[in-house]
């Protein structure tokens, strides 16, 4: 039996992966207005509301690590479950979302 990949990853671990230049797909599943307010460098906007129509954009990452974030972690967890159901085995939600990131990693970022 293969080990289950955890559903969530913490902000510190995501920051370490970014700093180390580890290859992974970093998705921001918030809406465009939220993304314009504040975003994390390296994250690609793919709103949850558009995901079903745009999932083919992730095809090249099907077997790669995908990390999804939102505002607090609720939407990204739903997206993580949905993508796993679509056959993307290595998807994780960033626990606490961009709000937690602004607290732990980049305290100067706007919070809303």
PDB file of N, CA and C in Angstrom:
ATOM      1  N   UNK A   1       0.846  -1.191   0.000  1.00  0.00           N
ATOM      2  CA  UNK A   1       0.000   0.000   0.000  1.00  0.00           C
ATOM      3  C   UNK A   1       0.887   1.249   0.000  1.00  0.00           C
ATOM      4  N   UNK A   2       0.594   2.186  -0.909  1.00  0.00           N
ATOM      5  CA  UNK A   2       1.406   3.393  -0.982  1.00  0.00           C
ATOM      6  C   UNK A   2       0.982   4.385   0.089  1.00  0.00           C
ATOM      7  N   UNK A   3       1.931   5.149   0.573  1.00  0.00           N
ATOM      8  CA  UNK A   3       1.641   6.147   1.601  1.00  0.00           C
ATOM      9  C   UNK A   3       0.775   7.247   1.006  1.00  0.00           C
ATOM     10  N   UNK A   4      -0.183   7.688   1.777  1.00  0.00           N
ATOM     11  CA  UNK A   4      -1.060   8.767   1.341  1.00  0.00           C
ATOM     12  C   UNK A   4      -0.316  10.102   1.416  1.00  0.00           C
ATOM     13  N   UNK A   5      -0.381  10.886   0.366  1.00  0.00           N
ATOM     14  CA  UNK A   5       0.230  12.218   0.360  1.00  0.00           C
ATOM     15  C   UNK A   5      -0.651  13.115   1.229  1.00  0.00           C
ATOM     16  N   UNK A   6      -0.040  13.868   2.149  1.00  0.00           N
ATOM     17  CA  UNK A   6      -0.846  14.736   3.014  1.00  0.00           C
ATOM     18  C   UNK A   6      -1.649  15.744   2.199  1.00  0.00           C
ATOM     19  N   UNK A   7      -2.816  16.109   2.711  1.00  0.00           N
ATOM     20  CA  UNK A   7      -3.675  17.067   2.018  1.00  0.00           C
ATOM     21  C   UNK A   7      -3.157  18.489   2.160  1.00  0.00           C
ATOM     22  N   UNK A   8      -2.435  18.774   3.249  1.00  0.00           N
ATOM     23  CA  UNK A   8      -2.006  20.140   3.504  1.00  0.00           C
ATOM     24  C   UNK A   8      -0.497  20.236   3.688  1.00  0.00           C
ATOM     25  N   UNK A   9       0.020  21.442   3.413  1.00  0.00           N
ATOM     26  CA  UNK A   9       1.419  21.765   3.619  1.00  0.00           C
ATOM     27  C   UNK A   9       1.437  23.140   4.290  1.00  0.00           C
ATOM     28  N   UNK A  10       2.379  23.377   5.209  1.00  0.00           N
ATOM     29  CA  UNK A  10       2.405  24.663   5.893  1.00  0.00           C
ATOM     30  C   UNK A  10       3.174  25.708   5.091  1.00  0.00           C
ATOM     31  N   UNK A  11       2.929  26.975   5.422  1.00  0.00           N
ATOM     32  CA  UNK A  11       3.554  28.101   4.705  1.00  0.00           C
ATOM     33  C   UNK A  11       5.077  28.026   4.727  1.00  0.00           C
ATOM     34  N   UNK A  12       5.643  27.652   5.877  1.00  0.00           N
ATOM     35  CA  UNK A  12       7.098  27.594   5.995  1.00  0.00           C
ATOM     36  C   UNK A  12       7.688  26.596   4.993  1.00  0.00           C
ATOM     37  N   UNK A  13       7.021  25.469   4.820  1.00  0.00           N
ATOM     38  CA  UNK A  13       7.501  24.444   3.876  1.00  0.00           C
ATOM     39  C   UNK A  13       7.403  24.928   2.433  1.00  0.00           C
ATOM     40  N   UNK A  14       6.327  25.655   2.116  1.00  0.00           N
ATOM     41  CA  UNK A  14       6.175  26.204   0.759  1.00  0.00           C
ATOM     42  C   UNK A  14       7.278  27.233   0.499  1.00  0.00           C
ATOM     43  N   UNK A  15       7.521  28.103   1.475  1.00  0.00           N
ATOM     44  CA  UNK A  15       8.574  29.126   1.341  1.00  0.00           C
ATOM     45  C   UNK A  15       9.930  28.460   1.135  1.00  0.00           C
ATOM     46  N   UNK A  16      10.205  27.386   1.877  1.00  0.00           N
ATOM     47  CA  UNK A  16      11.479  26.666   1.734  1.00  0.00           C
ATOM     48  C   UNK A  16      11.609  26.083   0.327  1.00  0.00           C
ATOM     49  N   UNK A  17      10.517  25.544  -0.222  1.00  0.00           N
ATOM     50  CA  UNK A  17      10.547  24.997  -1.584  1.00  0.00           C
ATOM     51  C   UNK A  17      10.818  26.104  -2.602  1.00  0.00           C
ATOM     52  N   UNK A  18      10.164  27.256  -2.441  1.00  0.00           N
ATOM     53  CA  UNK A  18      10.387  28.382  -3.343  1.00  0.00           C
ATOM     54  C   UNK A  18      11.838  28.844  -3.267  1.00  0.00           C
ATOM     55  N   UNK A  19      12.343  29.012  -2.044  1.00  0.00           N
ATOM     56  CA  UNK A  19      13.717  29.487  -1.846  1.00  0.00           C
ATOM     57  C   UNK A  19      14.743  28.521  -2.430  1.00  0.00           C
ATOM     58  N   UNK A  20      14.445  27.217  -2.351  1.00  0.00           N
ATOM     59  CA  UNK A  20      15.368  26.197  -2.852  1.00  0.00           C
ATOM     60  C   UNK A  20      15.242  26.000  -4.363  1.00  0.00           C
ATOM     61  N   UNK A  21      14.246  26.650  -4.963  1.00  0.00           N
ATOM     62  CA  UNK A  21      14.037  26.497  -6.402  1.00  0.00           C
ATOM     63  C   UNK A  21      13.473  25.139  -6.777  1.00  0.00           C
ATOM     64  N   UNK A  22      12.806  24.485  -5.826  1.00  0.00           N
ATOM     65  CA  UNK A  22      12.209  23.170  -6.123  1.00  0.00           C
ATOM     66  C   UNK A  22      11.099  23.344  -7.152  1.00  0.00           C
ATOM     67  N   UNK A  23      11.026  22.412  -8.104  1.00  0.00           N
ATOM     68  CA  UNK A  23       9.984  22.529  -9.128  1.00  0.00           C
ATOM     69  C   UNK A  23       8.624  22.067  -8.595  1.00  0.00           C
ATOM     70  N   UNK A  24       7.671  22.972  -8.603  1.00  0.00           N
ATOM     71  CA  UNK A  24       6.282  22.618  -8.295  1.00  0.00           C
ATOM     72  C   UNK A  24       5.376  23.668  -8.905  1.00  0.00           C
ATOM     73  N   UNK A  25       4.136  23.316  -9.086  1.00  0.00           N
ATOM     74  CA  UNK A  25       3.149  24.226  -9.652  1.00  0.00           C
ATOM     75  C   UNK A  25       2.428  24.893  -8.485  1.00  0.00           C
ATOM     76  N   UNK A  26       2.479  26.222  -8.407  1.00  0.00           N
ATOM     77  CA  UNK A  26       1.914  26.977  -7.287  1.00  0.00           C
ATOM     78  C   UNK A  26       0.692  27.736  -7.800  1.00  0.00           C
ATOM     79  N   UNK A  27      -0.481  27.343  -7.339  1.00  0.00           N
ATOM     80  CA  UNK A  27      -1.742  27.886  -7.836  1.00  0.00           C
ATOM     81  C   UNK A  27      -2.433  28.722  -6.759  1.00  0.00           C
ATOM     82  N   UNK A  28      -2.878  29.909  -7.152  1.00  0.00           N
ATOM     83  CA  UNK A  28      -3.697  30.781  -6.310  1.00  0.00           C
ATOM     84  C   UNK A  28      -5.123  30.613  -6.822  1.00  0.00           C
ATOM     85  N   UNK A  29      -6.002  30.029  -6.017  1.00  0.00           N
ATOM     86  CA  UNK A  29      -7.367  29.744  -6.489  1.00  0.00           C
ATOM     87  C   UNK A  29      -8.373  30.808  -6.063  1.00  0.00           C
ATOM     88  N   UNK A  30      -7.869  31.968  -5.597  1.00  0.00           N
ATOM     89  CA  UNK A  30      -8.774  33.060  -5.258  1.00  0.00           C
ATOM     90  C   UNK A  30      -9.276  33.734  -6.542  1.00  0.00           C
ATOM     91  N   UNK A  31     -10.145  34.713  -6.388  1.00  0.00           N
ATOM     92  CA  UNK A  31     -10.666  35.435  -7.549  1.00  0.00           C
ATOM     93  C   UNK A  31      -9.712  36.566  -7.937  1.00  0.00           C
ATOM     94  N   UNK A  32      -9.864  37.076  -9.171  1.00  0.00           N
ATOM     95  CA  UNK A  32      -8.949  38.085  -9.707  1.00  0.00           C
ATOM     96  C   UNK A  32      -8.848  39.331  -8.828  1.00  0.00           C
ATOM     97  N   UNK A  33      -9.958  39.788  -8.277  1.00  0.00           N
ATOM     98  CA  UNK A  33      -9.938  40.972  -7.423  1.00  0.00           C
ATOM     99  C   UNK A  33      -9.089  40.766  -6.185  1.00  0.00           C
ATOM    100  N   UNK A  34      -9.181  39.570  -5.603  1.00  0.00           N
ATOM    101  CA  UNK A  34      -8.361  39.249  -4.432  1.00  0.00           C
ATOM    102  C   UNK A  34      -6.886  39.209  -4.813  1.00  0.00           C
ATOM    103  N   UNK A  35      -6.599  38.630  -5.978  1.00  0.00           N
ATOM    104  CA  UNK A  35      -5.224  38.511  -6.470  1.00  0.00           C
ATOM    105  C   UNK A  35      -4.624  39.899  -6.681  1.00  0.00           C
ATOM    106  N   UNK A  36      -5.448  40.850  -7.167  1.00  0.00           N
ATOM    107  CA  UNK A  36      -4.965  42.220  -7.384  1.00  0.00           C
ATOM    108  C   UNK A  36      -4.656  42.912  -6.063  1.00  0.00           C
ATOM    109  N   UNK A  37      -5.373  42.546  -5.002  1.00  0.00           N
ATOM    110  CA  UNK A  37      -5.135  43.129  -3.678  1.00  0.00           C
ATOM    111  C   UNK A  37      -3.794  42.677  -3.125  1.00  0.00           C
ATOM    112  N   UNK A  38      -3.524  41.377  -3.220  1.00  0.00           N
ATOM    113  CA  UNK A  38      -2.284  40.813  -2.690  1.00  0.00           C
ATOM    114  C   UNK A  38      -2.038  39.457  -3.342  1.00  0.00           C
ATOM    115  N   UNK A  39      -0.758  39.181  -3.649  1.00  0.00           N
ATOM    116  CA  UNK A  39      -0.429  37.869  -4.214  1.00  0.00           C
ATOM    117  C   UNK A  39       0.957  37.451  -3.744  1.00  0.00           C
ATOM    118  N   UNK A  40       1.253  36.178  -3.922  1.00  0.00           N
ATOM    119  CA  UNK A  40       2.560  35.627  -3.558  1.00  0.00           C
ATOM    120  C   UNK A  40       3.356  35.445  -4.844  1.00  0.00           C
ATOM    121  N   UNK A  41       4.575  35.965  -4.867  1.00  0.00           N
ATOM    122  CA  UNK A  41       5.440  35.797  -6.038  1.00  0.00           C
ATOM    123  C   UNK A  41       5.606  34.318  -6.357  1.00  0.00           C
ATOM    124  N   UNK A  42       5.398  33.969  -7.621  1.00  0.00           N
ATOM    125  CA  UNK A  42       5.564  32.589  -8.040  1.00  0.00           C
ATOM    126  C   UNK A  42       4.261  31.832  -8.161  1.00  0.00           C
ATOM    127  N   UNK A  43       3.178  32.396  -7.610  1.00  0.00           N
ATOM    128  CA  UNK A  43       1.878  31.725  -7.694  1.00  0.00           C
ATOM    129  C   UNK A  43       1.131  32.187  -8.942  1.00  0.00           C
ATOM    130  N   UNK A  44       0.468  31.254  -9.614  1.00  0.00           N
ATOM    131  CA  UNK A  44      -0.317  31.530 -10.813  1.00  0.00           C
ATOM    132  C   UNK A  44      -1.783  31.578 -10.454  1.00  0.00           C
ATOM    133  N   UNK A  45      -2.464  32.633 -10.893  1.00  0.00           N
ATOM    134  CA  UNK A  45      -3.893  32.765 -10.607  1.00  0.00           C
ATOM    135  C   UNK A  45      -4.692  31.785 -11.466  1.00  0.00           C
ATOM    136  N   UNK A  46      -5.465  30.937 -10.811  1.00  0.00           N
ATOM    137  CA  UNK A  46      -6.407  30.034 -11.476  1.00  0.00           C
ATOM    138  C   UNK A  46      -7.616  29.936 -10.542  1.00  0.00           C
ATOM    139  N   UNK A  47      -8.560  30.890 -10.679  1.00  0.00           N
ATOM    140  CA  UNK A  47      -9.680  30.954  -9.738  1.00  0.00           C
ATOM    141  C   UNK A  47     -10.484  29.661  -9.664  1.00  0.00           C
ATOM    142  N   UNK A  48     -10.900  29.319  -8.437  1.00  0.00           N
ATOM    143  CA  UNK A  48     -11.705  28.121  -8.229  1.00  0.00           C
ATOM    144  C   UNK A  48     -12.935  28.146  -9.134  1.00  0.00           C
ATOM    145  N   UNK A  49     -13.513  29.335  -9.338  1.00  0.00           N
ATOM    146  CA  UNK A  49     -14.730  29.455 -10.155  1.00  0.00           C
ATOM    147  C   UNK A  49     -14.488  29.102 -11.621  1.00  0.00           C
ATOM    148  N   UNK A  50     -13.218  29.112 -12.063  1.00  0.00           N
ATOM    149  CA  UNK A  50     -12.886  28.809 -13.463  1.00  0.00           C
ATOM    150  C   UNK A  50     -12.198  27.455 -13.622  1.00  0.00           C
ATOM    151  N   UNK A  51     -11.924  26.791 -12.508  1.00  0.00           N
ATOM    152  CA  UNK A  51     -11.087  25.596 -12.535  1.00  0.00           C
ATOM    153  C   UNK A  51     -11.635  24.486 -13.426  1.00  0.00           C
ATOM    154  N   UNK A  52     -12.922  24.191 -13.314  1.00  0.00           N
ATOM    155  CA  UNK A  52     -13.485  23.089 -14.105  1.00  0.00           C
ATOM    156  C   UNK A  52     -13.290  23.324 -15.601  1.00  0.00           C
ATOM    157  N   UNK A  53     -13.381  24.591 -16.039  1.00  0.00           N
ATOM    158  CA  UNK A  53     -13.211  24.915 -17.452  1.00  0.00           C
ATOM    159  C   UNK A  53     -11.750  25.028 -17.869  1.00  0.00           C
ATOM    160  N   UNK A  54     -10.845  25.173 -16.897  1.00  0.00           N
ATOM    161  CA  UNK A  54      -9.435  25.423 -17.217  1.00  0.00           C
ATOM    162  C   UNK A  54      -8.490  24.334 -16.713  1.00  0.00           C
ATOM    163  N   UNK A  55      -9.045  23.220 -16.223  1.00  0.00           N
ATOM    164  CA  UNK A  55      -8.212  22.171 -15.636  1.00  0.00           C
ATOM    165  C   UNK A  55      -7.180  21.643 -16.635  1.00  0.00           C
ATOM    166  N   UNK A  56      -7.490  21.717 -17.929  1.00  0.00           N
ATOM    167  CA  UNK A  56      -6.531  21.249 -18.950  1.00  0.00           C
ATOM    168  C   UNK A  56      -5.219  22.034 -18.902  1.00  0.00           C
ATOM    169  N   UNK A  57      -5.245  23.246 -18.353  1.00  0.00           N
ATOM    170  CA  UNK A  57      -4.026  24.048 -18.226  1.00  0.00           C
ATOM    171  C   UNK A  57      -3.033  23.406 -17.249  1.00  0.00           C
ATOM    172  N   UNK A  58      -3.529  22.508 -16.411  1.00  0.00           N
ATOM    173  CA  UNK A  58      -2.676  21.837 -15.424  1.00  0.00           C
ATOM    174  C   UNK A  58      -2.180  20.483 -15.916  1.00  0.00           C
ATOM    175  N   UNK A  59      -2.584  20.081 -17.108  1.00  0.00           N
ATOM    176  CA  UNK A  59      -2.270  18.737 -17.605  1.00  0.00           C
ATOM    177  C   UNK A  59      -0.780  18.421 -17.550  1.00  0.00           C
ATOM    178  N   UNK A  60       0.069  19.398 -17.898  1.00  0.00           N
ATOM    179  CA  UNK A  60       1.519  19.131 -17.894  1.00  0.00           C
ATOM    180  C   UNK A  60       2.057  18.918 -16.481  1.00  0.00           C
ATOM    181  N   UNK A  61       1.242  19.240 -15.474  1.00  0.00           N
ATOM    182  CA  UNK A  61       1.658  19.076 -14.072  1.00  0.00           C
ATOM    183  C   UNK A  61       0.978  17.875 -13.404  1.00  0.00           C
ATOM    184  N   UNK A  62       0.299  17.041 -14.203  1.00  0.00           N
ATOM    185  CA  UNK A  62      -0.517  15.960 -13.630  1.00  0.00           C
ATOM    186  C   UNK A  62       0.256  15.112 -12.619  1.00  0.00           C
ATOM    187  N   UNK A  63       1.507  14.782 -12.910  1.00  0.00           N
ATOM    188  CA  UNK A  63       2.275  13.927 -11.998  1.00  0.00           C
ATOM    189  C   UNK A  63       3.315  14.706 -11.197  1.00  0.00           C
ATOM    190  N   UNK A  64       3.244  16.033 -11.267  1.00  0.00           N
ATOM    191  CA  UNK A  64       4.154  16.882 -10.499  1.00  0.00           C
ATOM    192  C   UNK A  64       3.476  17.304  -9.203  1.00  0.00           C
ATOM    193  N   UNK A  65       4.260  17.930  -8.341  1.00  0.00           N
ATOM    194  CA  UNK A  65       3.681  18.486  -7.124  1.00  0.00           C
ATOM    195  C   UNK A  65       2.941  19.775  -7.465  1.00  0.00           C
ATOM    196  N   UNK A  66       1.710  19.878  -6.985  1.00  0.00           N
ATOM    197  CA  UNK A  66       0.902  21.081  -7.150  1.00  0.00           C
ATOM    198  C   UNK A  66       0.521  21.556  -5.749  1.00  0.00           C
ATOM    199  N   UNK A  67       0.765  22.828  -5.472  1.00  0.00           N
ATOM    200  CA  UNK A  67       0.373  23.418  -4.191  1.00  0.00           C
ATOM    201  C   UNK A  67      -0.620  24.526  -4.492  1.00  0.00           C
ATOM    202  N   UNK A  68      -1.761  24.494  -3.809  1.00  0.00           N
ATOM    203  CA  UNK A  68      -2.846  25.442  -4.044  1.00  0.00           C
ATOM    204  C   UNK A  68      -3.016  26.300  -2.803  1.00  0.00           C
ATOM    205  N   UNK A  69      -3.202  27.609  -3.001  1.00  0.00           N
ATOM    206  CA  UNK A  69      -3.516  28.466  -1.849  1.00  0.00           C
ATOM    207  C   UNK A  69      -4.696  29.365  -2.166  1.00  0.00           C
ATOM    208  N   UNK A  70      -5.353  29.824  -1.107  1.00  0.00           N
ATOM    209  CA  UNK A  70      -6.448  30.776  -1.239  1.00  0.00           C
ATOM    210  C   UNK A  70      -6.281  31.817  -0.130  1.00  0.00           C
ATOM    211  N   UNK A  71      -7.387  32.338   0.416  1.00  0.00           N
ATOM    212  CA  UNK A  71      -7.296  33.361   1.453  1.00  0.00           C
ATOM    213  C   UNK A  71      -6.944  32.749   2.808  1.00  0.00           C
ATOM    214  N   UNK A  72      -7.752  31.777   3.256  1.00  0.00           N
ATOM    215  CA  UNK A  72      -7.506  31.152   4.563  1.00  0.00           C
ATOM    216  C   UNK A  72      -7.277  29.643   4.506  1.00  0.00           C
ATOM    217  N   UNK A  73      -7.487  29.010   3.372  1.00  0.00           N
ATOM    218  CA  UNK A  73      -7.237  27.579   3.248  1.00  0.00           C
ATOM    219  C   UNK A  73      -8.466  26.728   2.968  1.00  0.00           C
ATOM    220  N   UNK A  74      -9.647  27.307   3.001  1.00  0.00           N
ATOM    221  CA  UNK A  74     -10.876  26.538   2.754  1.00  0.00           C
ATOM    222  C   UNK A  74     -11.080  26.190   1.290  1.00  0.00           C
ATOM    223  N   UNK A  75     -11.007  27.197   0.430  1.00  0.00           N
ATOM    224  CA  UNK A  75     -11.191  26.948  -1.006  1.00  0.00           C
ATOM    225  C   UNK A  75     -10.075  26.067  -1.551  1.00  0.00           C
ATOM    226  N   UNK A  76      -8.843  26.331  -1.100  1.00  0.00           N
ATOM    227  CA  UNK A  76      -7.724  25.539  -1.634  1.00  0.00           C
ATOM    228  C   UNK A  76      -7.855  24.077  -1.231  1.00  0.00           C
ATOM    229  N   UNK A  77      -8.424  23.811  -0.065  1.00  0.00           N
ATOM    230  CA  UNK A  77      -8.641  22.419   0.349  1.00  0.00           C
ATOM    231  C   UNK A  77      -9.698  21.767  -0.550  1.00  0.00           C
ATOM    232  N   UNK A  78     -10.746  22.514  -0.899  1.00  0.00           N
ATOM    233  CA  UNK A  78     -11.765  21.972  -1.814  1.00  0.00           C
ATOM    234  C   UNK A  78     -11.156  21.712  -3.188  1.00  0.00           C
ATOM    235  N   UNK A  79     -10.328  22.646  -3.660  1.00  0.00           N
ATOM    236  CA  UNK A  79      -9.663  22.475  -4.959  1.00  0.00           C
ATOM    237  C   UNK A  79      -8.737  21.266  -4.923  1.00  0.00           C
ATOM    238  N   UNK A  80      -8.020  21.091  -3.806  1.00  0.00           N
ATOM    239  CA  UNK A  80      -7.120  19.942  -3.650  1.00  0.00           C
ATOM    240  C   UNK A  80      -7.901  18.635  -3.775  1.00  0.00           C
ATOM    241  N   UNK A  81      -9.023  18.533  -3.068  1.00  0.00           N
ATOM    242  CA  UNK A  81      -9.854  17.319  -3.156  1.00  0.00           C
ATOM    243  C   UNK A  81     -10.336  17.106  -4.590  1.00  0.00           C
ATOM    244  N   UNK A  82     -10.813  18.161  -5.240  1.00  0.00           N
ATOM    245  CA  UNK A  82     -11.352  18.042  -6.580  1.00  0.00           C
ATOM    246  C   UNK A  82     -10.278  17.607  -7.570  1.00  0.00           C
ATOM    247  N   UNK A  83      -9.094  18.229  -7.502  1.00  0.00           N
ATOM    248  CA  UNK A  83      -8.013  17.856  -8.424  1.00  0.00           C
ATOM    249  C   UNK A  83      -7.576  16.412  -8.206  1.00  0.00           C
ATOM    250  N   UNK A  84      -7.530  15.978  -6.961  1.00  0.00           N
ATOM    251  CA  UNK A  84      -7.179  14.569  -6.709  1.00  0.00           C
ATOM    252  C   UNK A  84      -8.218  13.646  -7.336  1.00  0.00           C
ATOM    253  N   UNK A  85      -9.489  14.038  -7.268  1.00  0.00           N
ATOM    254  CA  UNK A  85     -10.542  13.225  -7.898  1.00  0.00           C
ATOM    255  C   UNK A  85     -10.383  13.198  -9.418  1.00  0.00           C
ATOM    256  N   UNK A  86      -9.761  14.250  -9.984  1.00  0.00           N
ATOM    257  CA  UNK A  86      -9.535  14.318 -11.430  1.00  0.00           C
ATOM    258  C   UNK A  86      -8.257  13.581 -11.841  1.00  0.00           C
ATOM    259  N   UNK A  87      -7.576  12.955 -10.886  1.00  0.00           N
ATOM    260  CA  UNK A  87      -6.390  12.174 -11.218  1.00  0.00           C
ATOM    261  C   UNK A  87      -5.064  12.896 -11.072  1.00  0.00           C
ATOM    262  N   UNK A  88      -5.057  13.965 -10.277  1.00  0.00           N
ATOM    263  CA  UNK A  88      -3.797  14.654  -9.945  1.00  0.00           C
ATOM    264  C   UNK A  88      -3.403  14.191  -8.546  1.00  0.00           C
ATOM    265  N   UNK A  89      -2.459  13.241  -8.429  1.00  0.00           N
ATOM    266  CA  UNK A  89      -2.211  12.592  -7.137  1.00  0.00           C
ATOM    267  C   UNK A  89      -1.430  13.418  -6.125  1.00  0.00           C
ATOM    268  N   UNK A  90      -0.647  14.403  -6.590  1.00  0.00           N
ATOM    269  CA  UNK A  90       0.275  15.088  -5.682  1.00  0.00           C
ATOM    270  C   UNK A  90      -0.108  16.557  -5.503  1.00  0.00           C
ATOM    271  N   UNK A  91      -1.367  16.784  -5.105  1.00  0.00           N
ATOM    272  CA  UNK A  91      -1.861  18.138  -4.862  1.00  0.00           C
ATOM    273  C   UNK A  91      -1.974  18.353  -3.362  1.00  0.00           C
ATOM    274  N   UNK A  92      -1.541  19.540  -2.914  1.00  0.00           N
ATOM    275  CA  UNK A  92      -1.651  19.894  -1.494  1.00  0.00           C
ATOM    276  C   UNK A  92      -2.215  21.297  -1.384  1.00  0.00           C
ATOM    277  N   UNK A  93      -2.918  21.540  -0.282  1.00  0.00           N
ATOM    278  CA  UNK A  93      -3.427  22.863   0.042  1.00  0.00           C
ATOM    279  C   UNK A  93      -2.481  23.525   1.033  1.00  0.00           C
ATOM    280  N   UNK A  94      -2.166  24.807   0.807  1.00  0.00           N
ATOM    281  CA  UNK A  94      -1.321  25.529   1.749  1.00  0.00           C
ATOM    282  C   UNK A  94      -2.186  25.965   2.930  1.00  0.00           C
ATOM    283  N   UNK A  95      -1.954  25.351   4.073  1.00  0.00           N
ATOM    284  CA  UNK A  95      -2.749  25.602   5.280  1.00  0.00           C
ATOM    285  C   UNK A  95      -2.669  27.077   5.680  1.00  0.00           C
ATOM    286  N   UNK A  96      -3.819  27.670   5.948  1.00  0.00           N
ATOM    287  CA  UNK A  96      -3.869  29.054   6.395  1.00  0.00           C
ATOM    288  C   UNK A  96      -3.894  30.084   5.286  1.00  0.00           C
ATOM    289  N   UNK A  97      -3.600  29.650   4.052  1.00  0.00           N
ATOM    290  CA  UNK A  97      -3.682  30.524   2.899  1.00  0.00           C
ATOM    291  C   UNK A  97      -2.754  31.726   2.946  1.00  0.00           C
ATOM    292  N   UNK A  98      -3.072  32.698   2.088  1.00  0.00           N
ATOM    293  CA  UNK A  98      -2.227  33.884   1.975  1.00  0.00           C
ATOM    294  C   UNK A  98      -2.275  34.717   3.255  1.00  0.00           C
ATOM    295  N   UNK A  99      -3.343  34.587   4.036  1.00  0.00           N
ATOM    296  CA  UNK A  99      -3.421  35.324   5.296  1.00  0.00           C
ATOM    297  C   UNK A  99      -2.345  34.818   6.263  1.00  0.00           C
ATOM    298  N   UNK A 100      -2.205  33.505   6.354  1.00  0.00           N
ATOM    299  CA  UNK A 100      -1.157  32.924   7.212  1.00  0.00           C
ATOM    300  C   UNK A 100       0.228  33.269   6.663  1.00  0.00           C
ATOM    301  N   UNK A 101       0.365  33.271   5.336  1.00  0.00           N
ATOM    302  CA  UNK A 101       1.620  33.643   4.689  1.00  0.00           C
ATOM    303  C   UNK A 101       2.011  35.067   5.106  1.00  0.00           C
ATOM    304  N   UNK A 102       1.030  35.976   5.108  1.00  0.00           N
ATOM    305  CA  UNK A 102       1.293  37.374   5.470  1.00  0.00           C
ATOM    306  C   UNK A 102       1.708  37.501   6.936  1.00  0.00           C
ATOM    307  N   UNK A 103       1.248  36.591   7.779  1.00  0.00           N
ATOM    308  CA  UNK A 103       1.623  36.617   9.194  1.00  0.00           C
ATOM    309  C   UNK A 103       3.021  36.034   9.383  1.00  0.00           C
ATOM    310  N   UNK A 104       3.287  34.879   8.772  1.00  0.00           N
ATOM    311  CA  UNK A 104       4.526  34.127   9.042  1.00  0.00           C
ATOM    312  C   UNK A 104       5.692  34.465   8.125  1.00  0.00           C
ATOM    313  N   UNK A 105       5.412  34.741   6.842  1.00  0.00           N
ATOM    314  CA  UNK A 105       6.485  34.816   5.847  1.00  0.00           C
ATOM    315  C   UNK A 105       6.760  36.254   5.410  1.00  0.00           C
ATOM    316  N   UNK A 106       5.719  36.982   5.019  1.00  0.00           N
ATOM    317  CA  UNK A 106       5.886  38.343   4.512  1.00  0.00           C
ATOM    318  C   UNK A 106       4.962  39.298   5.275  1.00  0.00           C
ATOM    319  N   UNK A 107       5.393  39.719   6.463  1.00  0.00           N
ATOM    320  CA  UNK A 107       4.524  40.558   7.302  1.00  0.00           C
ATOM    321  C   UNK A 107       4.091  41.874   6.664  1.00  0.00           C
ATOM    322  N   UNK A 108       4.758  42.335   5.616  1.00  0.00           N
ATOM    323  CA  UNK A 108       4.360  43.589   4.972  1.00  0.00           C
ATOM    324  C   UNK A 108       3.196  43.452   4.006  1.00  0.00           C
ATOM    325  N   UNK A 109       2.810  42.222   3.676  1.00  0.00           N
ATOM    326  CA  UNK A 109       1.738  42.020   2.699  1.00  0.00           C
ATOM    327  C   UNK A 109       0.407  42.522   3.248  1.00  0.00           C
ATOM    328  N   UNK A 110      -0.438  43.089   2.358  1.00  0.00           N
ATOM    329  CA  UNK A 110      -1.773  43.501   2.786  1.00  0.00           C
ATOM    330  C   UNK A 110      -2.589  42.299   3.243  1.00  0.00           C
ATOM    331  N   UNK A 111      -3.391  42.511   4.274  1.00  0.00           N
ATOM    332  CA  UNK A 111      -4.313  41.458   4.735  1.00  0.00           C
ATOM    333  C   UNK A 111      -5.724  42.000   4.611  1.00  0.00           C
ATOM    334  N   UNK A 112      -6.644  41.097   4.318  1.00  0.00           N
ATOM    335  CA  UNK A 112      -8.042  41.533   4.144  1.00  0.00           C
ATOM    336  C   UNK A 112      -8.985  40.521   4.755  1.00  0.00           C
TER     337      UNK A 112
END
